[in-house]
Amino acid sequence: MKIFKHSIAFLAVFALLFTSCSKEETDVAGADGQDTFQLQFGTLLNDFAKQSKDHLSDDPVVCSDAAPSYVLVALTNSDDEWVGGMNPEADGADASDFIKVNLKDNNGSWETEYSDVLGLPAGTYQLQYFIVYSADDEVLWVAPREGGAYASSVMDPLPQEIMLGAGTKPYVEVDVLCYVPRMEDAFGYIFFDINLIRITNNYCVFVNYCYDETGREYPANFQVDVWGDAYDGTNVIVDGAMNSVSGEGNAFAATVLCFPLPPLGEDGMYYVRVTVLDAGAYIAGASDFVEYTITQADIDAQLLDTPRYEHVRINCGDDNGNGNGGDNCETDPTGPQCDPDGDNLTNEEEEELGTNPNDPDTDDDGKNDDVDDCPITTVLTGQVDPDGDGCWTDPIVGCTPTDCELTSTSGGNCYDVSVDLADSSIVYTITGETDLELRGDKGQLDPDVLFGIANVVLDGTNVQVTLDTPNVIDRIKGYRVKIWPSDESDARIVECFHTLCDNEIVAPSGNQLAIPLTFSDYEYTYPVFITIEAVICEDIVGP
């Protein structure tokens, strides 16, 4: 079930290299005379941004352009003890319970500086937490952990095993995602607030605005005013605080706005006005604002919400901007068109689905009911959700899913090709040796062109896929091929998949040879299931 897919949600993925120096490079001994190995982090930023189907709400993910300054990490040793005696999972843990390592710019590559704490003896370690901050203590990137809803968004979520020994120089890739405010549980960081520099009594707002001229819903540019006595009163608490926006048209994005409020007494109340401001995608009207009141209980409760902010919709057919249709939801949140838990589902829709109208995540799997394909399924210990759709199953014995991305770009004489021009994600069923045509669109004069052939066949229990271009002048620049096996009833095992990719292939002169790919990570039988996408050029193209 995918509901209200209106806003742009860009998710940038970064690969961070995790390296160590062997004794041959640094002759270091610990306090007991034991050789130690100095771990060093280096960052490698992939030029990759795509609309994220894994995000848990329709609100956009806005990646900060601030420069990284330091990283907070936490590791355990083979005895499950925290390295450096620092335990980020202890009650009251804060930034001092992590290992802080400063970053430096080494000719465009961010690397960590020397750290005494990361001088470790030989052994096996687990990287448990990894968070990158700016100099202003802004969270930039976070490495997702297993158990969080974002774990399926990366190839290798934490914890990751690191082995140190004589003569070793391991390189361990750490995948991180752009930080989403108040989504710590989705990253698997359930023990603490990722934003370790806490703002006392913080309150956050995000706004969607429906623009009559285009009939579309946009993430809004907005300002917030708060009074302690009445609307437009004399006790001004917040005076015109504004969020940040970027882009235009369909690529417009906006941030969540968070601000501190003085704690309220038991009977205290704040008067909040949220006003839509003009932006590149729309022009706001004078009546495009919403007013509501909040108590200290509302502020405290926001920390338990998913996502952890007030989601306001303005000019979208709602009386008060909160998706309530014609019902007076402020005084009676049980009306059929009300949405008391803020998950973009009305009470009427929640009743049809069997979900809890007062809990945005009924099955507590980290995925809100409106974007959860299995919103009332109980998650059992050890179950997995490899495709991030909210449907959890037992892991397949003998199957460790692998995934990768096609990052080669089209343009000029290079074209995006797939088996289905309309939808490259369509999964094809293979019941015997098959030639799949790879077709591309060269524009109005030639909208359906045969660029390549993919031969798919079983070789024993392996799947052999051969990519080839019939025309001599065509070159494969990059590809992504994903395979699923079948179960005893010949149905696709959705949670078991293996993917092979190659990007920026430098084609040789003359006819490019066919590219053979072998999938041997599972004992395959017919039928198998496949998706293929590639970038093919009409002449030799380098990276």
Protein backbone atom coordinates (compact mmCIF):
# COMPACT_ATOMS: atom_id res chain seq x y z
CA MET A 1 0.00 0.00 0.00
CA LYS A 2 1.58 3.26 -1.14
CA ILE A 3 -0.51 6.36 -0.34
CA PHE A 4 0.12 10.10 -0.95
CA LYS A 5 3.29 9.91 -3.02
CA HIS A 6 3.47 13.64 -3.78
CA SER A 7 6.78 15.07 -2.66
CA ILE A 8 10.28 14.51 -3.88
CA ALA A 9 12.38 12.36 -1.57
CA PHE A 10 16.01 12.31 -2.59
CA LEU A 11 18.30 9.91 -0.79
CA ALA A 12 22.04 10.28 -1.24
CA VAL A 13 24.17 7.25 -0.48
CA PHE A 14 27.81 7.56 0.49
CA ALA A 15 30.41 4.81 0.72
CA LEU A 16 32.95 5.34 3.49
CA LEU A 17 36.21 3.42 3.40
CA PHE A 18 37.35 1.95 6.69
CA THR A 19 41.08 1.26 6.68
CA SER A 20 43.83 0.26 9.04
CA CYS A 21 47.59 0.41 9.04
CA SER A 22 49.57 -2.75 9.68
CA LYS A 23 52.61 -3.00 11.98
CA GLU A 24 54.81 -2.69 8.91
CA GLU A 25 53.46 0.83 8.42
CA THR A 26 53.32 2.01 12.04
CA ASP A 27 55.41 0.21 14.64
CA VAL A 28 53.22 0.78 17.65
CA ALA A 29 52.88 -1.16 20.88
CA GLY A 30 50.16 -0.96 23.52
CA ALA A 31 50.61 -0.57 27.26
CA ASP A 32 51.21 -4.31 27.68
CA GLY A 33 53.69 -4.41 24.80
CA GLN A 34 51.15 -5.90 22.42
CA ASP A 35 51.26 -4.67 18.82
CA THR A 36 48.41 -2.31 17.96
CA PHE A 37 46.85 -1.27 14.68
CA GLN A 38 45.71 2.29 14.04
CA LEU A 39 42.30 2.39 12.37
CA GLN A 40 41.69 5.24 9.95
CA PHE A 41 38.52 6.31 8.18
CA GLY A 42 38.45 7.80 4.70
CA THR A 43 35.33 9.00 2.91
CA LEU A 44 34.42 8.36 -0.71
CA LEU A 45 31.34 10.25 -1.89
CA ASN A 46 29.42 8.60 -4.73
CA ASP A 47 27.69 11.01 -7.12
CA PHE A 48 24.34 9.33 -6.59
CA ALA A 49 20.88 10.69 -5.80
CA LYS A 50 17.57 9.05 -6.54
CA GLN A 51 14.00 9.26 -5.46
CA SER A 52 13.80 6.99 -2.46
CA LYS A 53 11.08 4.37 -2.28
CA ASP A 54 12.47 3.37 1.12
CA HIS A 55 11.68 6.65 2.88
CA LEU A 56 9.04 6.15 5.57
CA SER A 57 6.89 9.15 4.73
CA ASP A 58 6.13 11.44 1.80
CA ASP A 59 8.28 14.19 3.29
CA PRO A 60 11.50 14.94 1.40
CA VAL A 61 14.94 13.91 2.52
CA VAL A 62 17.14 17.00 2.19
CA CYS A 63 20.86 16.22 2.27
CA SER A 64 22.96 18.89 3.94
CA ASP A 65 25.78 20.43 1.91
CA ALA A 66 27.80 21.23 5.04
CA ALA A 67 31.37 19.91 5.14
CA PRO A 68 32.05 16.95 7.44
CA SER A 69 34.14 17.83 10.50
CA TYR A 70 34.21 14.76 12.71
CA VAL A 71 32.76 11.29 13.13
CA LEU A 72 31.40 9.54 16.22
CA VAL A 73 32.00 5.79 16.19
CA ALA A 74 31.47 2.91 18.59
CA LEU A 75 33.03 -0.54 18.37
CA THR A 76 32.91 -3.74 20.40
CA ASN A 77 35.60 -6.41 20.68
CA SER A 78 35.29 -10.19 20.51
CA ASP A 79 34.19 -10.23 24.16
CA ASP A 80 31.32 -7.83 23.37
CA GLU A 81 33.05 -5.12 25.37
CA TRP A 82 32.91 -1.52 24.15
CA VAL A 83 36.24 -0.25 22.83
CA GLY A 84 37.64 2.52 25.01
CA GLY A 85 35.17 1.71 27.77
CA MET A 86 32.55 3.84 26.02
CA ASN A 87 29.00 2.52 25.98
CA PRO A 88 26.56 4.52 23.82
CA GLU A 89 23.71 2.22 24.86
CA ALA A 90 24.01 3.03 28.56
CA ASP A 91 21.32 5.08 30.27
CA GLY A 92 21.98 8.78 29.80
CA ALA A 93 24.59 8.21 27.09
CA ASP A 94 25.74 11.28 25.17
CA ALA A 95 28.51 12.31 22.79
CA SER A 96 31.19 11.49 25.37
CA ASP A 97 30.19 7.82 25.16
CA PHE A 98 31.41 7.61 21.55
CA ILE A 99 34.87 7.72 20.04
CA LYS A 100 35.22 11.12 18.39
CA VAL A 101 37.64 11.33 15.48
CA ASN A 102 38.30 14.58 13.60
CA LEU A 103 38.26 14.64 9.81
CA LYS A 104 40.72 16.35 7.48
CA ASP A 105 40.56 17.16 3.78
CA ASN A 106 43.31 15.27 1.98
CA ASN A 107 43.20 16.61 -1.59
CA GLY A 108 39.44 16.31 -1.80
CA SER A 109 39.18 13.09 0.18
CA TRP A 110 37.97 13.30 3.78
CA GLU A 111 40.10 11.23 6.15
CA THR A 112 40.24 10.88 9.90
CA GLU A 113 43.15 12.15 11.92
CA TYR A 114 45.16 10.01 14.34
CA SER A 115 43.25 8.73 17.39
CA ASP A 116 44.87 7.10 20.43
CA VAL A 117 41.64 5.27 21.22
CA LEU A 118 41.65 3.57 17.81
CA GLY A 119 45.09 2.07 18.34
CA LEU A 120 43.78 -1.47 18.82
CA PRO A 121 45.44 -4.87 19.36
CA ALA A 122 44.95 -7.69 16.87
CA GLY A 123 41.53 -9.29 17.03
CA THR A 124 37.99 -9.21 15.73
CA TYR A 125 35.85 -6.09 16.22
CA GLN A 126 32.32 -5.04 15.36
CA LEU A 127 31.63 -1.53 14.09
CA GLN A 128 28.33 -0.78 15.87
CA TYR A 129 27.64 2.92 15.28
CA PHE A 130 28.91 5.47 12.75
CA ILE A 131 27.66 9.09 12.58
CA VAL A 132 29.23 11.99 10.63
CA TYR A 133 28.84 15.58 11.90
CA SER A 134 29.65 19.08 10.66
CA ALA A 135 31.69 21.61 12.63
CA ASP A 136 28.40 23.04 13.94
CA ASP A 137 27.42 19.62 15.36
CA GLU A 138 24.87 19.06 12.61
CA VAL A 139 24.25 15.39 11.81
CA LEU A 140 25.13 14.83 8.13
CA TRP A 141 25.28 11.09 7.42
CA VAL A 142 24.35 8.00 9.41
CA ALA A 143 25.21 4.33 8.82
CA PRO A 144 21.94 2.33 9.21
CA ARG A 145 21.87 -0.63 11.60
CA GLU A 146 20.20 -3.99 11.21
CA GLY A 147 16.69 -3.94 12.63
CA GLY A 148 15.95 -0.40 11.46
CA ALA A 149 13.60 0.25 8.56
CA TYR A 150 16.43 1.85 6.55
CA ALA A 151 18.69 -1.22 6.84
CA SER A 152 17.41 -2.52 3.50
CA SER A 153 18.41 0.77 1.82
CA VAL A 154 22.12 -0.14 1.97
CA MET A 155 24.09 -3.21 0.99
CA ASP A 156 25.78 -3.84 4.32
CA PRO A 157 24.14 -2.31 7.41
CA LEU A 158 25.89 -2.22 10.78
CA PRO A 159 27.22 -3.98 12.74
CA GLN A 160 30.18 -4.83 10.47
CA GLU A 161 33.00 -7.18 11.35
CA ILE A 162 36.58 -5.87 11.24
CA MET A 163 39.54 -8.23 11.61
CA LEU A 164 42.94 -6.86 12.60
CA GLY A 165 46.09 -8.90 12.43
CA ALA A 166 49.74 -8.81 11.47
CA GLY A 167 50.26 -7.77 7.86
CA THR A 168 46.62 -6.86 7.34
CA LYS A 169 45.39 -3.73 5.69
CA PRO A 170 41.60 -4.19 5.44
CA TYR A 171 39.31 -1.83 3.59
CA VAL A 172 35.73 -2.02 4.86
CA GLU A 173 33.00 -0.03 3.09
CA VAL A 174 30.51 1.64 5.40
CA ASP A 175 27.29 2.75 3.67
CA VAL A 176 25.67 5.85 5.13
CA LEU A 177 22.44 7.68 4.33
CA CYS A 178 21.56 11.34 4.63
CA TYR A 179 20.23 12.03 8.10
CA VAL A 180 16.46 12.48 8.41
CA PRO A 181 15.47 14.50 11.51
CA ARG A 182 13.67 12.52 14.21
CA MET A 183 13.94 9.16 12.45
CA GLU A 184 16.51 7.55 14.77
CA ASP A 185 14.47 4.36 15.09
CA ALA A 186 14.38 3.92 11.30
CA PHE A 187 18.19 4.01 11.26
CA GLY A 188 18.23 1.38 14.01
CA TYR A 189 19.58 3.82 16.62
CA ILE A 190 16.89 3.00 19.18
CA PHE A 191 18.90 3.74 22.33
CA PHE A 192 19.52 7.46 21.87
CA ASP A 193 18.80 10.58 19.85
CA ILE A 194 21.25 10.73 16.93
CA ASN A 195 21.34 14.51 17.32
CA LEU A 196 23.46 14.27 20.44
CA ILE A 197 23.60 18.03 20.81
CA ARG A 198 20.08 18.17 22.19
CA ILE A 199 17.87 21.25 22.14
CA THR A 200 15.78 21.36 25.32
CA ASN A 201 12.02 21.10 24.69
CA ASN A 202 12.41 20.97 20.92
CA TYR A 203 9.32 21.12 18.67
CA CYS A 204 9.35 20.43 14.92
CA VAL A 205 7.01 21.19 12.00
CA PHE A 206 6.84 20.15 8.35
CA VAL A 207 4.29 21.49 5.83
CA ASN A 208 2.83 20.31 2.54
CA TYR A 209 1.00 22.89 0.42
CA CYS A 210 -1.56 22.18 -2.31
CA TYR A 211 -1.30 24.76 -5.11
CA ASP A 212 -4.54 25.39 -7.03
CA GLU A 213 -2.78 26.52 -10.22
CA THR A 214 -1.06 23.18 -10.79
CA GLY A 215 -3.28 20.89 -8.75
CA ARG A 216 -0.15 19.43 -7.13
CA GLU A 217 1.01 19.09 -3.55
CA TYR A 218 4.45 20.51 -2.67
CA PRO A 219 6.75 20.51 0.34
CA ALA A 220 6.29 24.07 1.57
CA ASN A 221 8.42 27.07 2.32
CA PHE A 222 6.90 28.32 5.56
CA GLN A 223 7.36 30.33 8.72
CA VAL A 224 6.22 29.67 12.27
CA ASP A 225 5.12 32.20 14.90
CA VAL A 226 4.36 31.18 18.47
CA TRP A 227 2.78 33.22 21.27
CA GLY A 228 2.33 32.43 24.93
CA ASP A 229 -0.87 34.41 25.54
CA ALA A 230 -2.94 34.60 22.29
CA TYR A 231 -2.58 34.78 18.50
CA ASP A 232 -0.78 38.06 17.68
CA GLY A 233 -0.36 38.54 21.42
CA THR A 234 2.33 40.40 23.34
CA ASN A 235 4.15 37.30 24.69
CA VAL A 236 6.13 36.39 21.55
CA ILE A 237 7.91 33.03 21.87
CA VAL A 238 8.94 32.37 18.24
CA ASP A 239 9.06 35.29 15.80
CA GLY A 240 8.91 34.25 12.14
CA ALA A 241 11.23 31.21 12.19
CA MET A 242 11.55 29.83 8.63
CA ASN A 243 12.59 26.51 7.15
CA SER A 244 14.99 26.05 4.21
CA VAL A 245 13.99 25.25 0.61
CA SER A 246 15.77 24.38 -2.62
CA GLY A 247 14.98 23.60 -6.25
CA GLU A 248 12.03 24.49 -8.46
CA GLY A 249 9.03 22.78 -10.05
CA ASN A 250 8.98 19.01 -9.69
CA ALA A 251 12.42 19.07 -8.04
CA PHE A 252 11.36 21.38 -5.21
CA ALA A 253 12.36 20.30 -1.69
CA ALA A 254 12.00 21.71 1.83
CA THR A 255 13.29 20.93 5.29
CA VAL A 256 11.69 20.23 8.64
CA LEU A 257 11.80 23.26 10.98
CA CYS A 258 12.72 22.62 14.63
CA PHE A 259 12.87 25.23 17.39
CA PRO A 260 13.16 25.23 21.22
CA LEU A 261 10.23 26.27 23.41
CA PRO A 262 10.29 27.18 27.11
CA PRO A 263 8.72 24.31 29.12
CA LEU A 264 5.05 24.81 29.91
CA GLY A 265 3.26 24.23 33.19
CA GLU A 266 0.41 21.77 33.57
CA ASP A 267 -2.22 24.24 32.33
CA GLY A 268 0.04 26.17 29.95
CA MET A 269 -0.59 26.52 26.22
CA TYR A 270 1.19 27.90 23.15
CA TYR A 271 -0.60 29.50 20.19
CA VAL A 272 1.03 28.40 16.93
CA ARG A 273 0.56 29.93 13.48
CA VAL A 274 2.13 28.26 10.42
CA THR A 275 2.14 30.43 7.28
CA VAL A 276 3.01 29.27 3.76
CA LEU A 277 5.53 31.51 1.96
CA ASP A 278 6.13 31.92 -1.78
CA ALA A 279 8.59 29.47 -3.30
CA GLY A 280 9.95 28.46 -6.69
CA ALA A 281 7.17 25.93 -7.25
CA TYR A 282 4.15 28.03 -6.27
CA ILE A 283 2.77 31.42 -5.12
CA ALA A 284 1.04 31.37 -1.72
CA GLY A 285 -2.20 33.16 -0.96
CA ALA A 286 -3.03 35.41 1.99
CA SER A 287 -5.26 32.75 3.54
CA ASP A 288 -2.67 29.98 3.33
CA PHE A 289 -1.95 29.55 7.01
CA VAL A 290 -3.11 27.36 9.88
CA GLU A 291 -3.44 28.08 13.59
CA TYR A 292 -3.49 25.57 16.43
CA THR A 293 -2.58 25.27 20.10
CA ILE A 294 -0.12 22.92 21.79
CA THR A 295 0.52 21.92 25.39
CA GLN A 296 3.61 20.50 27.06
CA ALA A 297 2.06 17.06 26.63
CA ASP A 298 1.95 17.65 22.85
CA ILE A 299 5.63 18.66 22.83
CA ASP A 300 6.65 15.62 24.88
CA ALA A 301 4.53 13.27 22.77
CA GLN A 302 6.24 14.41 19.56
CA LEU A 303 9.41 12.61 20.62
CA LEU A 304 7.47 9.35 20.49
CA ASP A 305 5.91 10.00 17.08
CA THR A 306 7.11 8.59 13.76
CA PRO A 307 8.11 10.83 12.10
CA ARG A 308 8.93 13.10 15.04
CA TYR A 309 7.37 16.33 13.86
CA GLU A 310 3.96 17.91 13.27
CA HIS A 311 2.95 17.27 9.66
CA VAL A 312 0.67 20.06 8.46
CA ARG A 313 -1.15 20.12 5.10
CA ILE A 314 -2.48 23.49 3.93
CA ASN A 315 -5.02 24.23 1.17
CA CYS A 316 -5.47 20.50 0.60
CA GLY A 317 -9.21 20.31 1.33
CA ASP A 318 -8.73 20.17 5.10
CA ASP A 319 -10.41 22.53 7.59
CA ASN A 320 -7.37 22.93 9.83
CA GLY A 321 -4.48 21.73 7.68
CA ASN A 322 -4.23 18.33 9.34
CA GLY A 323 -6.09 16.12 6.88
CA ASN A 324 -9.44 16.28 8.67
CA GLY A 325 -11.82 16.87 5.76
CA GLY A 326 -15.11 18.25 7.11
CA ASP A 327 -14.68 16.93 10.66
CA ASN A 328 -13.76 19.11 13.62
CA CYS A 329 -10.74 17.05 14.57
CA GLU A 330 -9.32 19.44 17.14
CA THR A 331 -12.29 18.83 19.45
CA ASP A 332 -13.21 15.31 18.28
CA PRO A 333 -10.32 13.39 16.65
CA THR A 334 -12.49 10.27 16.24
CA GLY A 335 -14.30 11.58 13.13
CA PRO A 336 -14.05 9.36 10.02
CA GLN A 337 -11.91 11.88 8.11
CA CYS A 338 -9.59 12.72 11.02
CA ASP A 339 -6.01 11.52 11.28
CA PRO A 340 -5.13 11.64 14.99
CA ASP A 341 -1.85 9.73 14.64
CA GLY A 342 -0.58 11.76 11.66
CA ASP A 343 0.19 8.78 9.39
CA ASN A 344 -1.71 10.17 6.36
CA LEU A 345 -4.53 7.65 6.86
CA THR A 346 -7.96 8.78 7.99
CA ASN A 347 -9.83 6.94 10.73
CA GLU A 348 -12.08 5.52 8.02
CA GLU A 349 -9.10 4.15 6.08
CA GLU A 350 -7.54 2.79 9.28
CA GLU A 351 -10.75 0.87 10.03
CA GLU A 352 -10.75 -0.67 6.56
CA LEU A 353 -7.12 -1.76 6.95
CA GLY A 354 -7.49 -2.96 10.53
CA THR A 355 -4.75 -0.60 11.75
CA ASN A 356 -4.66 1.43 14.95
CA PRO A 357 -5.87 5.01 14.28
CA ASN A 358 -3.89 6.23 17.30
CA ASP A 359 -0.58 4.59 16.34
CA PRO A 360 1.19 5.64 13.10
CA ASP A 361 3.09 2.32 13.05
CA THR A 362 0.59 -0.32 14.16
CA ASP A 363 2.96 -3.29 13.89
CA ASP A 364 5.97 -1.36 15.29
CA ASP A 365 8.29 -2.33 12.44
CA GLY A 366 9.62 1.20 11.86
CA LYS A 367 7.47 1.75 8.75
CA ASN A 368 4.41 3.99 8.98
CA ASP A 369 1.03 2.42 8.21
CA ASP A 370 0.53 4.52 5.04
CA VAL A 371 3.69 3.13 3.40
CA ASP A 372 3.60 -0.35 4.94
CA ASP A 373 2.40 -3.12 2.61
CA CYS A 374 1.80 -5.34 5.67
CA PRO A 375 0.79 -2.81 8.34
CA ILE A 376 -0.69 -5.30 10.85
CA THR A 377 1.86 -8.11 10.56
CA THR A 378 3.63 -8.98 13.81
CA VAL A 379 7.40 -8.95 13.34
CA LEU A 380 9.02 -12.01 14.91
CA THR A 381 12.59 -12.15 16.17
CA GLY A 382 15.04 -12.86 13.38
CA GLN A 383 12.69 -11.98 10.53
CA VAL A 384 13.85 -9.73 7.69
CA ASP A 385 12.33 -7.18 5.31
CA PRO A 386 14.88 -7.13 2.46
CA ASP A 387 12.90 -4.96 0.03
CA GLY A 388 11.73 -2.46 2.66
CA ASP A 389 7.99 -2.84 1.96
CA GLY A 390 7.05 -3.55 5.57
CA CYS A 391 6.38 -7.28 5.00
CA TRP A 392 8.63 -9.33 7.26
CA THR A 393 9.48 -12.99 6.66
CA ASP A 394 11.87 -15.62 7.95
CA PRO A 395 15.28 -15.40 6.24
CA ILE A 396 15.89 -17.87 3.44
CA VAL A 397 18.40 -20.55 4.43
CA GLY A 398 21.44 -20.34 2.21
CA CYS A 399 20.53 -16.93 0.80
CA THR A 400 22.28 -13.68 1.59
CA PRO A 401 20.72 -10.95 -0.59
CA THR A 402 23.09 -8.63 -2.46
CA ASP A 403 22.28 -5.42 -4.27
CA CYS A 404 24.03 -2.62 -6.17
CA GLU A 405 23.11 0.39 -8.27
CA LEU A 406 23.47 1.47 -11.89
CA THR A 407 25.23 4.83 -11.70
CA SER A 408 26.34 5.16 -15.32
CA THR A 409 24.59 8.13 -16.87
CA SER A 410 22.88 8.56 -20.23
CA GLY A 411 23.06 11.62 -22.45
CA GLY A 412 24.55 12.60 -25.77
CA ASN A 413 24.91 9.35 -27.68
CA CYS A 414 24.30 7.16 -24.60
CA TYR A 415 20.83 5.83 -23.79
CA ASP A 416 19.01 4.15 -20.92
CA VAL A 417 17.88 0.70 -22.01
CA SER A 418 15.78 -2.03 -20.42
CA VAL A 419 13.52 -4.92 -21.35
CA ASP A 420 10.46 -2.73 -20.92
CA LEU A 421 10.77 0.89 -22.04
CA ALA A 422 7.86 2.03 -19.88
CA ASP A 423 9.09 0.45 -16.63
CA SER A 424 12.64 -0.85 -16.17
CA SER A 425 11.68 -2.39 -12.81
CA ILE A 426 9.32 -4.99 -14.30
CA VAL A 427 10.36 -8.50 -13.26
CA TYR A 428 10.44 -11.13 -16.03
CA THR A 429 9.87 -14.84 -15.52
CA ILE A 430 12.39 -17.15 -17.22
CA THR A 431 11.26 -20.77 -17.71
CA GLY A 432 13.92 -21.80 -20.22
CA GLU A 433 16.75 -20.31 -22.26
CA THR A 434 15.53 -16.86 -23.30
CA ASP A 435 16.80 -13.89 -25.29
CA LEU A 436 15.54 -10.62 -23.82
CA GLU A 437 15.68 -7.52 -26.01
CA LEU A 438 17.20 -4.39 -24.45
CA ARG A 439 15.48 -1.38 -25.98
CA GLY A 440 15.98 2.37 -25.68
CA ASP A 441 14.32 5.63 -26.67
CA LYS A 442 16.25 7.97 -29.01
CA GLY A 443 13.50 10.58 -29.13
CA GLN A 444 10.47 11.27 -31.30
CA LEU A 445 12.09 10.12 -34.54
CA ASP A 446 13.24 6.80 -33.10
CA PRO A 447 11.41 6.07 -29.81
CA ASP A 448 11.93 2.29 -29.73
CA VAL A 449 15.41 1.07 -30.69
CA LEU A 450 16.95 -2.37 -30.20
CA PHE A 451 20.31 -1.73 -28.54
CA GLY A 452 21.18 -5.12 -27.05
CA ILE A 453 20.31 -8.72 -26.25
CA ALA A 454 20.45 -10.49 -22.88
CA ASN A 455 20.63 -14.26 -23.09
CA VAL A 456 19.43 -15.94 -19.88
CA VAL A 457 19.92 -19.66 -19.25
CA LEU A 458 20.50 -22.10 -16.40
CA ASP A 459 23.95 -23.71 -16.32
CA GLY A 460 23.52 -26.45 -13.76
CA THR A 461 22.33 -24.60 -10.65
CA ASN A 462 23.85 -21.28 -11.79
CA VAL A 463 22.16 -18.59 -13.87
CA GLN A 464 24.20 -17.41 -16.84
CA VAL A 465 23.32 -13.99 -18.30
CA THR A 466 25.18 -12.78 -21.40
CA LEU A 467 24.86 -9.15 -22.45
CA ASP A 468 25.66 -8.29 -26.05
CA THR A 469 25.13 -5.50 -28.58
CA PRO A 470 24.18 -6.69 -32.09
CA ASN A 471 25.48 -3.51 -33.72
CA VAL A 472 29.25 -3.03 -33.98
CA ILE A 473 29.02 0.67 -33.13
CA ASP A 474 27.16 0.08 -29.85
CA ARG A 475 28.97 -0.15 -26.50
CA ILE A 476 27.67 -1.15 -23.06
CA LYS A 477 28.71 1.59 -20.64
CA GLY A 478 27.12 0.15 -17.48
CA TYR A 479 24.59 -2.44 -16.36
CA ARG A 480 22.57 -3.74 -13.41
CA VAL A 481 21.17 -7.29 -13.49
CA LYS A 482 19.06 -8.64 -10.59
CA ILE A 483 18.03 -12.30 -10.19
CA TRP A 484 15.49 -13.99 -7.90
CA PRO A 485 15.05 -17.79 -7.43
CA SER A 486 11.73 -19.64 -7.20
CA ASP A 487 10.27 -21.76 -4.42
CA GLU A 488 8.69 -25.22 -4.65
CA SER A 489 5.48 -23.72 -6.04
CA ASP A 490 7.44 -21.83 -8.75
CA ALA A 491 6.72 -18.49 -7.08
CA ARG A 492 9.39 -15.79 -6.82
CA ILE A 493 11.24 -15.71 -3.48
CA VAL A 494 11.04 -11.94 -3.11
CA GLU A 495 13.35 -11.70 -0.11
CA CYS A 496 16.18 -13.62 -1.85
CA PHE A 497 17.91 -11.73 -4.64
CA HIS A 498 21.37 -11.25 -6.08
CA THR A 499 22.54 -8.34 -8.18
CA LEU A 500 25.57 -7.69 -10.39
CA CYS A 501 26.57 -4.23 -11.60
CA ASP A 502 29.35 -2.56 -13.49
CA ASN A 503 29.60 1.15 -14.19
CA GLU A 504 31.66 3.34 -16.50
CA ILE A 505 32.97 0.45 -18.59
CA VAL A 506 35.68 1.63 -20.98
CA ALA A 507 34.87 -0.09 -24.25
CA PRO A 508 37.78 -1.35 -26.38
CA SER A 509 38.24 -0.35 -29.96
CA GLY A 510 36.45 -2.49 -32.46
CA ASN A 511 33.52 -4.74 -31.62
CA GLN A 512 32.90 -4.95 -27.86
CA LEU A 513 32.89 -8.56 -26.70
CA ALA A 514 29.80 -10.02 -25.06
CA ILE A 515 29.71 -9.64 -21.27
CA PRO A 516 29.06 -12.96 -19.45
CA LEU A 517 27.61 -12.81 -15.91
CA THR A 518 27.30 -15.82 -13.61
CA PHE A 519 24.93 -15.95 -10.62
CA SER A 520 26.14 -18.75 -8.35
CA ASP A 521 24.97 -17.61 -4.91
CA TYR A 522 22.01 -19.98 -4.85
CA GLU A 523 21.01 -23.38 -6.25
CA TYR A 524 18.72 -22.09 -8.97
CA THR A 525 16.05 -24.03 -10.86
CA TYR A 526 13.53 -22.82 -13.40
CA PRO A 527 11.71 -20.55 -13.22
CA VAL A 528 14.05 -17.70 -12.30
CA PHE A 529 13.12 -14.03 -12.27
CA ILE A 530 15.14 -11.11 -13.66
CA THR A 531 15.27 -7.36 -14.15
CA ILE A 532 17.87 -5.71 -16.41
CA GLU A 533 18.77 -2.08 -16.95
CA ALA A 534 21.79 -0.67 -18.72
CA VAL A 535 23.30 2.33 -20.45
CA ILE A 536 24.41 1.67 -24.03
CA CYS A 537 26.27 4.15 -26.27
CA GLU A 538 26.57 4.31 -30.03
CA ASP A 539 30.34 4.68 -30.02
CA ILE A 540 33.32 4.31 -27.68
CA VAL A 541 32.70 6.18 -24.45
CA GLY A 542 35.08 6.36 -21.53
CA PRO A 543 34.12 6.87 -17.90
